[in-house]
Amino acid sequence: LATVGKSKTFLRIARAKTLGRELPLLTPDGERRIDRFLREGETDLVVDYKSGKPSEERVGNDREQVGQYCQAMSAITGRPCAGLLWYIDVDVDRAIDA
């Protein structure tokens, strides 16, 4: 928690308007959950929390997943949507635009 509490990403999320947490989304592959759905100004933001450290392969797969969430939410709301992957480990956190 000490790592997260000092994180710039945590502060960014705290400043944004939360539209949903653990938001269910029905996809052709079954139900998925959006960890956090935020609004920052004119853009909506899907945040996907990940434990551990990112690898190139993992980030690619995770970006694809969040991209699908963003496309779905943009189709539902009619608003632009961006994605953010937030990898959290014991002593480090890393945010990657998706």
PDB file of N, CA and C in Angstrom:
ATOM      1  N   LEU A   1       0.813  -1.206   0.000  1.00  0.00           N
ATOM      2  CA  LEU A   1       0.000   0.000   0.000  1.00  0.00           C
ATOM      3  C   LEU A   1       0.852   1.263   0.000  1.00  0.00           C
ATOM      4  N   ALA A   2       2.017   1.191   0.597  1.00  0.00           N
ATOM      5  CA  ALA A   2       2.885   2.360   0.625  1.00  0.00           C
ATOM      6  C   ALA A   2       3.282   2.767  -0.790  1.00  0.00           C
ATOM      7  N   THR A   3       3.552   1.785  -1.643  1.00  0.00           N
ATOM      8  CA  THR A   3       3.908   2.064  -3.033  1.00  0.00           C
ATOM      9  C   THR A   3       2.744   2.743  -3.751  1.00  0.00           C
ATOM     10  N   VAL A   4       1.560   2.218  -3.605  1.00  0.00           N
ATOM     11  CA  VAL A   4       0.385   2.750  -4.289  1.00  0.00           C
ATOM     12  C   VAL A   4       0.057   4.149  -3.781  1.00  0.00           C
ATOM     13  N   GLY A   5       0.126   4.363  -2.476  1.00  0.00           N
ATOM     14  CA  GLY A   5      -0.223   5.652  -1.883  1.00  0.00           C
ATOM     15  C   GLY A   5       0.618   6.808  -2.375  1.00  0.00           C
ATOM     16  N   LYS A   6       1.848   6.539  -2.805  1.00  0.00           N
ATOM     17  CA  LYS A   6       2.749   7.594  -3.298  1.00  0.00           C
ATOM     18  C   LYS A   6       2.735   7.705  -4.820  1.00  0.00           C
ATOM     19  N   SER A   7       1.948   6.905  -5.456  1.00  0.00           N
ATOM     20  CA  SER A   7       1.964   6.801  -6.904  1.00  0.00           C
ATOM     21  C   SER A   7       1.274   7.978  -7.601  1.00  0.00           C
ATOM     22  N   LYS A   8       1.874   8.472  -8.685  1.00  0.00           N
ATOM     23  CA  LYS A   8       1.244   9.508  -9.510  1.00  0.00           C
ATOM     24  C   LYS A   8      -0.033   8.968 -10.152  1.00  0.00           C
ATOM     25  N   THR A   9      -0.026   7.686 -10.482  1.00  0.00           N
ATOM     26  CA  THR A   9      -1.209   7.075 -11.081  1.00  0.00           C
ATOM     27  C   THR A   9      -2.354   7.049 -10.082  1.00  0.00           C
ATOM     28  N   PHE A  10      -2.063   6.721  -8.840  1.00  0.00           N
ATOM     29  CA  PHE A  10      -3.091   6.727  -7.803  1.00  0.00           C
ATOM     30  C   PHE A  10      -3.707   8.121  -7.670  1.00  0.00           C
ATOM     31  N   LEU A  11      -2.863   9.149  -7.664  1.00  0.00           N
ATOM     32  CA  LEU A  11      -3.362  10.518  -7.553  1.00  0.00           C
ATOM     33  C   LEU A  11      -4.211  10.893  -8.771  1.00  0.00           C
ATOM     34  N   ARG A  12      -3.786  10.450  -9.955  1.00  0.00           N
ATOM     35  CA  ARG A  12      -4.557  10.705 -11.174  1.00  0.00           C
ATOM     36  C   ARG A  12      -5.946  10.077 -11.061  1.00  0.00           C
ATOM     37  N   ILE A  13      -5.994   8.836 -10.629  1.00  0.00           N
ATOM     38  CA  ILE A  13      -7.270   8.132 -10.493  1.00  0.00           C
ATOM     39  C   ILE A  13      -8.143   8.804  -9.433  1.00  0.00           C
ATOM     40  N   ALA A  14      -7.542   9.213  -8.343  1.00  0.00           N
ATOM     41  CA  ALA A  14      -8.292   9.859  -7.265  1.00  0.00           C
ATOM     42  C   ALA A  14      -8.895  11.192  -7.708  1.00  0.00           C
ATOM     43  N   ARG A  15      -8.222  11.909  -8.610  1.00  0.00           N
ATOM     44  CA  ARG A  15      -8.726  13.202  -9.091  1.00  0.00           C
ATOM     45  C   ARG A  15      -9.843  13.057 -10.122  1.00  0.00           C
ATOM     46  N   ALA A  16      -9.882  11.947 -10.830  1.00  0.00           N
ATOM     47  CA  ALA A  16     -10.880  11.746 -11.882  1.00  0.00           C
ATOM     48  C   ALA A  16     -12.237  11.393 -11.270  1.00  0.00           C
ATOM     49  N   LYS A  17     -13.277  11.586 -12.060  1.00  0.00           N
ATOM     50  CA  LYS A  17     -14.623  11.213 -11.633  1.00  0.00           C
ATOM     51  C   LYS A  17     -14.815   9.724 -11.898  1.00  0.00           C
ATOM     52  N   THR A  18     -15.155   8.983 -10.869  1.00  0.00           N
ATOM     53  CA  THR A  18     -15.382   7.550 -11.020  1.00  0.00           C
ATOM     54  C   THR A  18     -16.808   7.317 -11.527  1.00  0.00           C
ATOM     55  N   LEU A  19     -16.901   6.621 -12.662  1.00  0.00           N
ATOM     56  CA  LEU A  19     -18.196   6.270 -13.242  1.00  0.00           C
ATOM     57  C   LEU A  19     -18.601   4.850 -12.879  1.00  0.00           C
ATOM     58  N   GLY A  20     -17.611   4.008 -12.578  1.00  0.00           N
ATOM     59  CA  GLY A  20     -17.926   2.637 -12.208  1.00  0.00           C
ATOM     60  C   GLY A  20     -16.709   1.891 -11.706  1.00  0.00           C
ATOM     61  N   ARG A  21     -16.958   0.916 -10.836  1.00  0.00           N
ATOM     62  CA  ARG A  21     -15.926   0.000 -10.325  1.00  0.00           C
ATOM     63  C   ARG A  21     -16.430  -1.414 -10.551  1.00  0.00           C
ATOM     64  N   GLU A  22     -15.534  -2.295 -10.988  1.00  0.00           N
ATOM     65  CA  GLU A  22     -15.911  -3.684 -11.259  1.00  0.00           C
ATOM     66  C   GLU A  22     -17.170  -3.717 -12.137  1.00  0.00           C
ATOM     67  N   LEU A  23     -17.127  -2.908 -13.182  1.00  0.00           N
ATOM     68  CA  LEU A  23     -18.257  -2.730 -14.086  1.00  0.00           C
ATOM     69  C   LEU A  23     -18.396  -3.943 -15.005  1.00  0.00           C
ATOM     70  N   PRO A  24     -19.524  -4.655 -14.953  1.00  0.00           N
ATOM     71  CA  PRO A  24     -19.689  -5.837 -15.799  1.00  0.00           C
ATOM     72  C   PRO A  24     -19.891  -5.445 -17.260  1.00  0.00           C
ATOM     73  N   LEU A  25     -19.292  -6.229 -18.141  1.00  0.00           N
ATOM     74  CA  LEU A  25     -19.386  -6.004 -19.577  1.00  0.00           C
ATOM     75  C   LEU A  25     -19.553  -7.364 -20.235  1.00  0.00           C
ATOM     76  N   LEU A  26     -20.656  -7.544 -20.926  1.00  0.00           N
ATOM     77  CA  LEU A  26     -20.915  -8.811 -21.601  1.00  0.00           C
ATOM     78  C   LEU A  26     -20.251  -8.781 -22.980  1.00  0.00           C
ATOM     79  N   THR A  27     -19.389  -9.752 -23.237  1.00  0.00           N
ATOM     80  CA  THR A  27     -18.677  -9.844 -24.513  1.00  0.00           C
ATOM     81  C   THR A  27     -19.007 -11.190 -25.158  1.00  0.00           C
ATOM     82  N   PRO A  28     -18.644 -11.375 -26.434  1.00  0.00           N
ATOM     83  CA  PRO A  28     -18.871 -12.683 -27.069  1.00  0.00           C
ATOM     84  C   PRO A  28     -18.168 -13.833 -26.328  1.00  0.00           C
ATOM     85  N   ASP A  29     -17.109 -13.503 -25.568  1.00  0.00           N
ATOM     86  CA  ASP A  29     -16.380 -14.517 -24.801  1.00  0.00           C
ATOM     87  C   ASP A  29     -16.914 -14.694 -23.389  1.00  0.00           C
ATOM     88  N   GLY A  30     -17.990 -14.014 -23.059  1.00  0.00           N
ATOM     89  CA  GLY A  30     -18.551 -14.112 -21.719  1.00  0.00           C
ATOM     90  C   GLY A  30     -18.465 -12.788 -20.989  1.00  0.00           C
ATOM     91  N   GLU A  31     -18.819 -12.819 -19.733  1.00  0.00           N
ATOM     92  CA  GLU A  31     -18.794 -11.597 -18.936  1.00  0.00           C
ATOM     93  C   GLU A  31     -17.374 -11.251 -18.528  1.00  0.00           C
ATOM     94  N   ARG A  32     -17.036  -9.991 -18.653  1.00  0.00           N
ATOM     95  CA  ARG A  32     -15.755  -9.444 -18.197  1.00  0.00           C
ATOM     96  C   ARG A  32     -16.075  -8.307 -17.241  1.00  0.00           C
ATOM     97  N   ARG A  33     -15.069  -7.860 -16.517  1.00  0.00           N
ATOM     98  CA  ARG A  33     -15.260  -6.745 -15.587  1.00  0.00           C
ATOM     99  C   ARG A  33     -14.205  -5.684 -15.822  1.00  0.00           C
ATOM    100  N   ILE A  34     -14.667  -4.456 -15.954  1.00  0.00           N
ATOM    101  CA  ILE A  34     -13.768  -3.312 -16.056  1.00  0.00           C
ATOM    102  C   ILE A  34     -13.429  -2.902 -14.630  1.00  0.00           C
ATOM    103  N   ASP A  35     -12.139  -2.913 -14.294  1.00  0.00           N
ATOM    104  CA  ASP A  35     -11.731  -2.614 -12.921  1.00  0.00           C
ATOM    105  C   ASP A  35     -12.200  -1.225 -12.480  1.00  0.00           C
ATOM    106  N   ARG A  36     -11.941  -0.229 -13.327  1.00  0.00           N
ATOM    107  CA  ARG A  36     -12.335   1.143 -12.974  1.00  0.00           C
ATOM    108  C   ARG A  36     -12.669   1.891 -14.254  1.00  0.00           C
ATOM    109  N   PHE A  37     -13.772   2.607 -14.254  1.00  0.00           N
ATOM    110  CA  PHE A  37     -14.196   3.407 -15.394  1.00  0.00           C
ATOM    111  C   PHE A  37     -14.298   4.845 -14.915  1.00  0.00           C
ATOM    112  N   LEU A  38     -13.478   5.731 -15.501  1.00  0.00           N
ATOM    113  CA  LEU A  38     -13.341   7.103 -15.019  1.00  0.00           C
ATOM    114  C   LEU A  38     -13.677   8.102 -16.111  1.00  0.00           C
ATOM    115  N   ARG A  39     -13.855   9.337 -15.704  1.00  0.00           N
ATOM    116  CA  ARG A  39     -13.979  10.443 -16.647  1.00  0.00           C
ATOM    117  C   ARG A  39     -12.939  11.483 -16.286  1.00  0.00           C
ATOM    118  N   GLU A  40     -12.123  11.808 -17.292  1.00  0.00           N
ATOM    119  CA  GLU A  40     -11.111  12.869 -17.167  1.00  0.00           C
ATOM    120  C   GLU A  40     -11.432  13.924 -18.226  1.00  0.00           C
ATOM    121  N   GLY A  41     -12.060  15.005 -17.828  1.00  0.00           N
ATOM    122  CA  GLY A  41     -12.435  16.041 -18.790  1.00  0.00           C
ATOM    123  C   GLY A  41     -13.450  15.496 -19.784  1.00  0.00           C
ATOM    124  N   GLU A  42     -13.097  15.529 -21.060  1.00  0.00           N
ATOM    125  CA  GLU A  42     -13.996  15.076 -22.122  1.00  0.00           C
ATOM    126  C   GLU A  42     -13.787  13.611 -22.504  1.00  0.00           C
ATOM    127  N   THR A  43     -12.854  12.948 -21.877  1.00  0.00           N
ATOM    128  CA  THR A  43     -12.519  11.568 -22.239  1.00  0.00           C
ATOM    129  C   THR A  43     -12.809  10.616 -21.095  1.00  0.00           C
ATOM    130  N   ASP A  44     -13.370   9.470 -21.444  1.00  0.00           N
ATOM    131  CA  ASP A  44     -13.548   8.402 -20.466  1.00  0.00           C
ATOM    132  C   ASP A  44     -12.282   7.558 -20.445  1.00  0.00           C
ATOM    133  N   LEU A  45     -12.040   6.896 -19.328  1.00  0.00           N
ATOM    134  CA  LEU A  45     -10.808   6.131 -19.151  1.00  0.00           C
ATOM    135  C   LEU A  45     -11.123   4.790 -18.499  1.00  0.00           C
ATOM    136  N   VAL A  46     -10.706   3.715 -19.157  1.00  0.00           N
ATOM    137  CA  VAL A  46     -10.784   2.368 -18.594  1.00  0.00           C
ATOM    138  C   VAL A  46      -9.440   2.078 -17.934  1.00  0.00           C
ATOM    139  N   VAL A  47      -9.473   1.757 -16.647  1.00  0.00           N
ATOM    140  CA  VAL A  47      -8.248   1.399 -15.917  1.00  0.00           C
ATOM    141  C   VAL A  47      -8.313  -0.084 -15.591  1.00  0.00           C
ATOM    142  N   ASP A  48      -7.254  -0.793 -15.949  1.00  0.00           N
ATOM    143  CA  ASP A  48      -7.169  -2.219 -15.657  1.00  0.00           C
ATOM    144  C   ASP A  48      -5.975  -2.440 -14.736  1.00  0.00           C
ATOM    145  N   TYR A  49      -6.257  -2.909 -13.531  1.00  0.00           N
ATOM    146  CA  TYR A  49      -5.200  -3.181 -12.556  1.00  0.00           C
ATOM    147  C   TYR A  49      -4.559  -4.528 -12.861  1.00  0.00           C
ATOM    148  N   LYS A  50      -3.243  -4.578 -12.759  1.00  0.00           N
ATOM    149  CA  LYS A  50      -2.504  -5.820 -12.969  1.00  0.00           C
ATOM    150  C   LYS A  50      -1.493  -5.971 -11.842  1.00  0.00           C
ATOM    151  N   SER A  51      -1.349  -7.182 -11.338  1.00  0.00           N
ATOM    152  CA  SER A  51      -0.334  -7.418 -10.314  1.00  0.00           C
ATOM    153  C   SER A  51       0.952  -7.872 -10.997  1.00  0.00           C
ATOM    154  N   GLY A  52       2.059  -7.547 -10.382  1.00  0.00           N
ATOM    155  CA  GLY A  52       3.350  -7.961 -10.924  1.00  0.00           C
ATOM    156  C   GLY A  52       3.946  -6.932 -11.857  1.00  0.00           C
ATOM    157  N   LYS A  53       5.008  -7.351 -12.515  1.00  0.00           N
ATOM    158  CA  LYS A  53       5.746  -6.464 -13.413  1.00  0.00           C
ATOM    159  C   LYS A  53       5.386  -6.780 -14.859  1.00  0.00           C
ATOM    160  N   PRO A  54       5.318  -5.737 -15.698  1.00  0.00           N
ATOM    161  CA  PRO A  54       4.938  -5.967 -17.087  1.00  0.00           C
ATOM    162  C   PRO A  54       6.088  -6.539 -17.919  1.00  0.00           C
ATOM    163  N   SER A  55       5.750  -7.453 -18.810  1.00  0.00           N
ATOM    164  CA  SER A  55       6.697  -7.925 -19.817  1.00  0.00           C
ATOM    165  C   SER A  55       6.139  -7.490 -21.169  1.00  0.00           C
ATOM    166  N   GLU A  56       6.953  -7.504 -22.190  1.00  0.00           N
ATOM    167  CA  GLU A  56       6.520  -7.065 -23.511  1.00  0.00           C
ATOM    168  C   GLU A  56       5.310  -7.871 -23.995  1.00  0.00           C
ATOM    169  N   GLU A  57       5.380  -9.187 -23.841  1.00  0.00           N
ATOM    170  CA  GLU A  57       4.280 -10.051 -24.282  1.00  0.00           C
ATOM    171  C   GLU A  57       3.014  -9.785 -23.475  1.00  0.00           C
ATOM    172  N   ARG A  58       3.181  -9.652 -22.180  1.00  0.00           N
ATOM    173  CA  ARG A  58       2.033  -9.428 -21.309  1.00  0.00           C
ATOM    174  C   ARG A  58       1.351  -8.095 -21.633  1.00  0.00           C
ATOM    175  N   VAL A  59       2.154  -7.058 -21.829  1.00  0.00           N
ATOM    176  CA  VAL A  59       1.599  -5.741 -22.136  1.00  0.00           C
ATOM    177  C   VAL A  59       0.806  -5.793 -23.447  1.00  0.00           C
ATOM    178  N   GLY A  60       1.323  -6.500 -24.435  1.00  0.00           N
ATOM    179  CA  GLY A  60       0.609  -6.632 -25.704  1.00  0.00           C
ATOM    180  C   GLY A  60      -0.757  -7.262 -25.532  1.00  0.00           C
ATOM    181  N   ASN A  61      -0.817  -8.337 -24.778  1.00  0.00           N
ATOM    182  CA  ASN A  61      -2.095  -9.015 -24.516  1.00  0.00           C
ATOM    183  C   ASN A  61      -3.042  -8.129 -23.706  1.00  0.00           C
ATOM    184  N   ASP A  62      -2.483  -7.464 -22.699  1.00  0.00           N
ATOM    185  CA  ASP A  62      -3.304  -6.613 -21.841  1.00  0.00           C
ATOM    186  C   ASP A  62      -3.837  -5.398 -22.606  1.00  0.00           C
ATOM    187  N   ARG A  63      -3.028  -4.837 -23.497  1.00  0.00           N
ATOM    188  CA  ARG A  63      -3.480  -3.712 -24.319  1.00  0.00           C
ATOM    189  C   ARG A  63      -4.653  -4.123 -25.205  1.00  0.00           C
ATOM    190  N   GLU A  64      -4.568  -5.319 -25.757  1.00  0.00           N
ATOM    191  CA  GLU A  64      -5.656  -5.810 -26.603  1.00  0.00           C
ATOM    192  C   GLU A  64      -6.955  -5.903 -25.804  1.00  0.00           C
ATOM    193  N   GLN A  65      -6.862  -6.453 -24.601  1.00  0.00           N
ATOM    194  CA  GLN A  65      -8.030  -6.594 -23.726  1.00  0.00           C
ATOM    195  C   GLN A  65      -8.637  -5.225 -23.414  1.00  0.00           C
ATOM    196  N   VAL A  66      -7.826  -4.279 -22.991  1.00  0.00           N
ATOM    197  CA  VAL A  66      -8.333  -2.959 -22.614  1.00  0.00           C
ATOM    198  C   VAL A  66      -8.845  -2.218 -23.848  1.00  0.00           C
ATOM    199  N   GLY A  67      -8.208  -2.430 -24.981  1.00  0.00           N
ATOM    200  CA  GLY A  67      -8.698  -1.823 -26.219  1.00  0.00           C
ATOM    201  C   GLY A  67     -10.113  -2.271 -26.550  1.00  0.00           C
ATOM    202  N   GLN A  68     -10.392  -3.546 -26.318  1.00  0.00           N
ATOM    203  CA  GLN A  68     -11.746  -4.064 -26.542  1.00  0.00           C
ATOM    204  C   GLN A  68     -12.736  -3.422 -25.569  1.00  0.00           C
ATOM    205  N   TYR A  69     -12.313  -3.256 -24.319  1.00  0.00           N
ATOM    206  CA  TYR A  69     -13.174  -2.599 -23.336  1.00  0.00           C
ATOM    207  C   TYR A  69     -13.475  -1.162 -23.773  1.00  0.00           C
ATOM    208  N   CYS A  70     -12.450  -0.466 -24.240  1.00  0.00           N
ATOM    209  CA  CYS A  70     -12.616   0.932 -24.656  1.00  0.00           C
ATOM    210  C   CYS A  70     -13.557   1.040 -25.849  1.00  0.00           C
ATOM    211  N   GLN A  71     -13.401   0.147 -26.823  1.00  0.00           N
ATOM    212  CA  GLN A  71     -14.295   0.162 -27.986  1.00  0.00           C
ATOM    213  C   GLN A  71     -15.746  -0.052 -27.550  1.00  0.00           C
ATOM    214  N   ALA A  72     -15.956  -0.987 -26.657  1.00  0.00           N
ATOM    215  CA  ALA A  72     -17.311  -1.270 -26.178  1.00  0.00           C
ATOM    216  C   ALA A  72     -17.887  -0.071 -25.434  1.00  0.00           C
ATOM    217  N   MET A  73     -17.110   0.521 -24.543  1.00  0.00           N
ATOM    218  CA  MET A  73     -17.620   1.635 -23.752  1.00  0.00           C
ATOM    219  C   MET A  73     -17.861   2.862 -24.616  1.00  0.00           C
ATOM    220  N   SER A  74     -17.030   3.085 -25.616  1.00  0.00           N
ATOM    221  CA  SER A  74     -17.231   4.200 -26.532  1.00  0.00           C
ATOM    222  C   SER A  74     -18.503   3.997 -27.351  1.00  0.00           C
ATOM    223  N   ALA A  75     -18.757   2.762 -27.762  1.00  0.00           N
ATOM    224  CA  ALA A  75     -19.984   2.457 -28.506  1.00  0.00           C
ATOM    225  C   ALA A  75     -21.214   2.671 -27.618  1.00  0.00           C
ATOM    226  N   ILE A  76     -21.102   2.345 -26.347  1.00  0.00           N
ATOM    227  CA  ILE A  76     -22.227   2.492 -25.417  1.00  0.00           C
ATOM    228  C   ILE A  76     -22.481   3.967 -25.092  1.00  0.00           C
ATOM    229  N   THR A  77     -21.408   4.713 -24.819  1.00  0.00           N
ATOM    230  CA  THR A  77     -21.567   6.092 -24.343  1.00  0.00           C
ATOM    231  C   THR A  77     -21.531   7.140 -25.445  1.00  0.00           C
ATOM    232  N   GLY A  78     -20.914   6.805 -26.583  1.00  0.00           N
ATOM    233  CA  GLY A  78     -20.734   7.786 -27.646  1.00  0.00           C
ATOM    234  C   GLY A  78     -19.626   8.776 -27.356  1.00  0.00           C
ATOM    235  N   ARG A  79     -18.803   8.477 -26.374  1.00  0.00           N
ATOM    236  CA  ARG A  79     -17.711   9.375 -25.963  1.00  0.00           C
ATOM    237  C   ARG A  79     -16.363   8.730 -26.275  1.00  0.00           C
ATOM    238  N   PRO A  80     -15.341   9.553 -26.472  1.00  0.00           N
ATOM    239  CA  PRO A  80     -14.000   8.978 -26.637  1.00  0.00           C
ATOM    240  C   PRO A  80     -13.581   8.244 -25.367  1.00  0.00           C
ATOM    241  N   CYS A  81     -12.828   7.169 -25.542  1.00  0.00           N
ATOM    242  CA  CYS A  81     -12.399   6.364 -24.402  1.00  0.00           C
ATOM    243  C   CYS A  81     -10.943   5.962 -24.588  1.00  0.00           C
ATOM    244  N   ALA A  82     -10.175   6.123 -23.548  1.00  0.00           N
ATOM    245  CA  ALA A  82      -8.771   5.719 -23.533  1.00  0.00           C
ATOM    246  C   ALA A  82      -8.602   4.606 -22.501  1.00  0.00           C
ATOM    247  N   GLY A  83      -7.473   3.906 -22.584  1.00  0.00           N
ATOM    248  CA  GLY A  83      -7.206   2.833 -21.650  1.00  0.00           C
ATOM    249  C   GLY A  83      -5.902   3.050 -20.908  1.00  0.00           C
ATOM    250  N   LEU A  84      -5.833   2.514 -19.696  1.00  0.00           N
ATOM    251  CA  LEU A  84      -4.638   2.605 -18.869  1.00  0.00           C
ATOM    252  C   LEU A  84      -4.424   1.273 -18.158  1.00  0.00           C
ATOM    253  N   LEU A  85      -3.255   0.703 -18.345  1.00  0.00           N
ATOM    254  CA  LEU A  85      -2.855  -0.503 -17.615  1.00  0.00           C
ATOM    255  C   LEU A  85      -2.022  -0.043 -16.428  1.00  0.00           C
ATOM    256  N   TRP A  86      -2.357  -0.520 -15.234  1.00  0.00           N
ATOM    257  CA  TRP A  86      -1.595  -0.137 -14.046  1.00  0.00           C
ATOM    258  C   TRP A  86      -1.072  -1.405 -13.390  1.00  0.00           C
ATOM    259  N   TYR A  87       0.222  -1.629 -13.572  1.00  0.00           N
ATOM    260  CA  TYR A  87       0.900  -2.782 -12.990  1.00  0.00           C
ATOM    261  C   TYR A  87       1.414  -2.397 -11.612  1.00  0.00           C
ATOM    262  N   ILE A  88       1.063  -3.200 -10.620  1.00  0.00           N
ATOM    263  CA  ILE A  88       1.437  -2.907  -9.237  1.00  0.00           C
ATOM    264  C   ILE A  88       2.183  -4.112  -8.672  1.00  0.00           C
ATOM    265  N   ASP A  89       3.375  -3.851  -8.155  1.00  0.00           N
ATOM    266  CA  ASP A  89       4.185  -4.884  -7.519  1.00  0.00           C
ATOM    267  C   ASP A  89       4.565  -4.390  -6.123  1.00  0.00           C
ATOM    268  N   VAL A  90       5.271  -5.191  -5.386  1.00  0.00           N
ATOM    269  CA  VAL A  90       5.599  -4.875  -3.991  1.00  0.00           C
ATOM    270  C   VAL A  90       6.269  -3.509  -3.847  1.00  0.00           C
ATOM    271  N   ASP A  91       7.244  -3.214  -4.684  1.00  0.00           N
ATOM    272  CA  ASP A  91       8.030  -2.002  -4.499  1.00  0.00           C
ATOM    273  C   ASP A  91       7.961  -1.038  -5.675  1.00  0.00           C
ATOM    274  N   VAL A  92       7.111  -1.302  -6.643  1.00  0.00           N
ATOM    275  CA  VAL A  92       7.061  -0.436  -7.822  1.00  0.00           C
ATOM    276  C   VAL A  92       5.678  -0.505  -8.478  1.00  0.00           C
ATOM    277  N   ASP A  93       5.308   0.610  -9.095  1.00  0.00           N
ATOM    278  CA  ASP A  93       4.105   0.579  -9.907  1.00  0.00           C
ATOM    279  C   ASP A  93       4.446   1.222 -11.256  1.00  0.00           C
ATOM    280  N   ARG A  94       3.747   0.779 -12.277  1.00  0.00           N
ATOM    281  CA  ARG A  94       4.010   1.307 -13.620  1.00  0.00           C
ATOM    282  C   ARG A  94       2.695   1.416 -14.375  1.00  0.00           C
ATOM    283  N   ALA A  95       2.426   2.594 -14.910  1.00  0.00           N
ATOM    284  CA  ALA A  95       1.220   2.835 -15.700  1.00  0.00           C
ATOM    285  C   ALA A  95       1.618   2.895 -17.166  1.00  0.00           C
ATOM    286  N   ILE A  96       0.827   2.226 -18.011  1.00  0.00           N
ATOM    287  CA  ILE A  96       1.089   2.193 -19.451  1.00  0.00           C
ATOM    288  C   ILE A  96      -0.209   2.516 -20.162  1.00  0.00           C
ATOM    289  N   ASP A  97      -0.161   3.498 -21.057  1.00  0.00           N
ATOM    290  CA  ASP A  97      -1.337   3.790 -21.866  1.00  0.00           C
ATOM    291  C   ASP A  97      -1.651   2.596 -22.746  1.00  0.00           C
ATOM    292  N   ALA A  98      -2.924   2.283 -22.840  1.00  0.00           N
ATOM    293  CA  ALA A  98      -3.323   1.092 -23.609  1.00  0.00           C
ATOM    294  C   ALA A  98      -3.928   1.482 -24.940  1.00  0.00           C
TER     295      ALA A  98
END
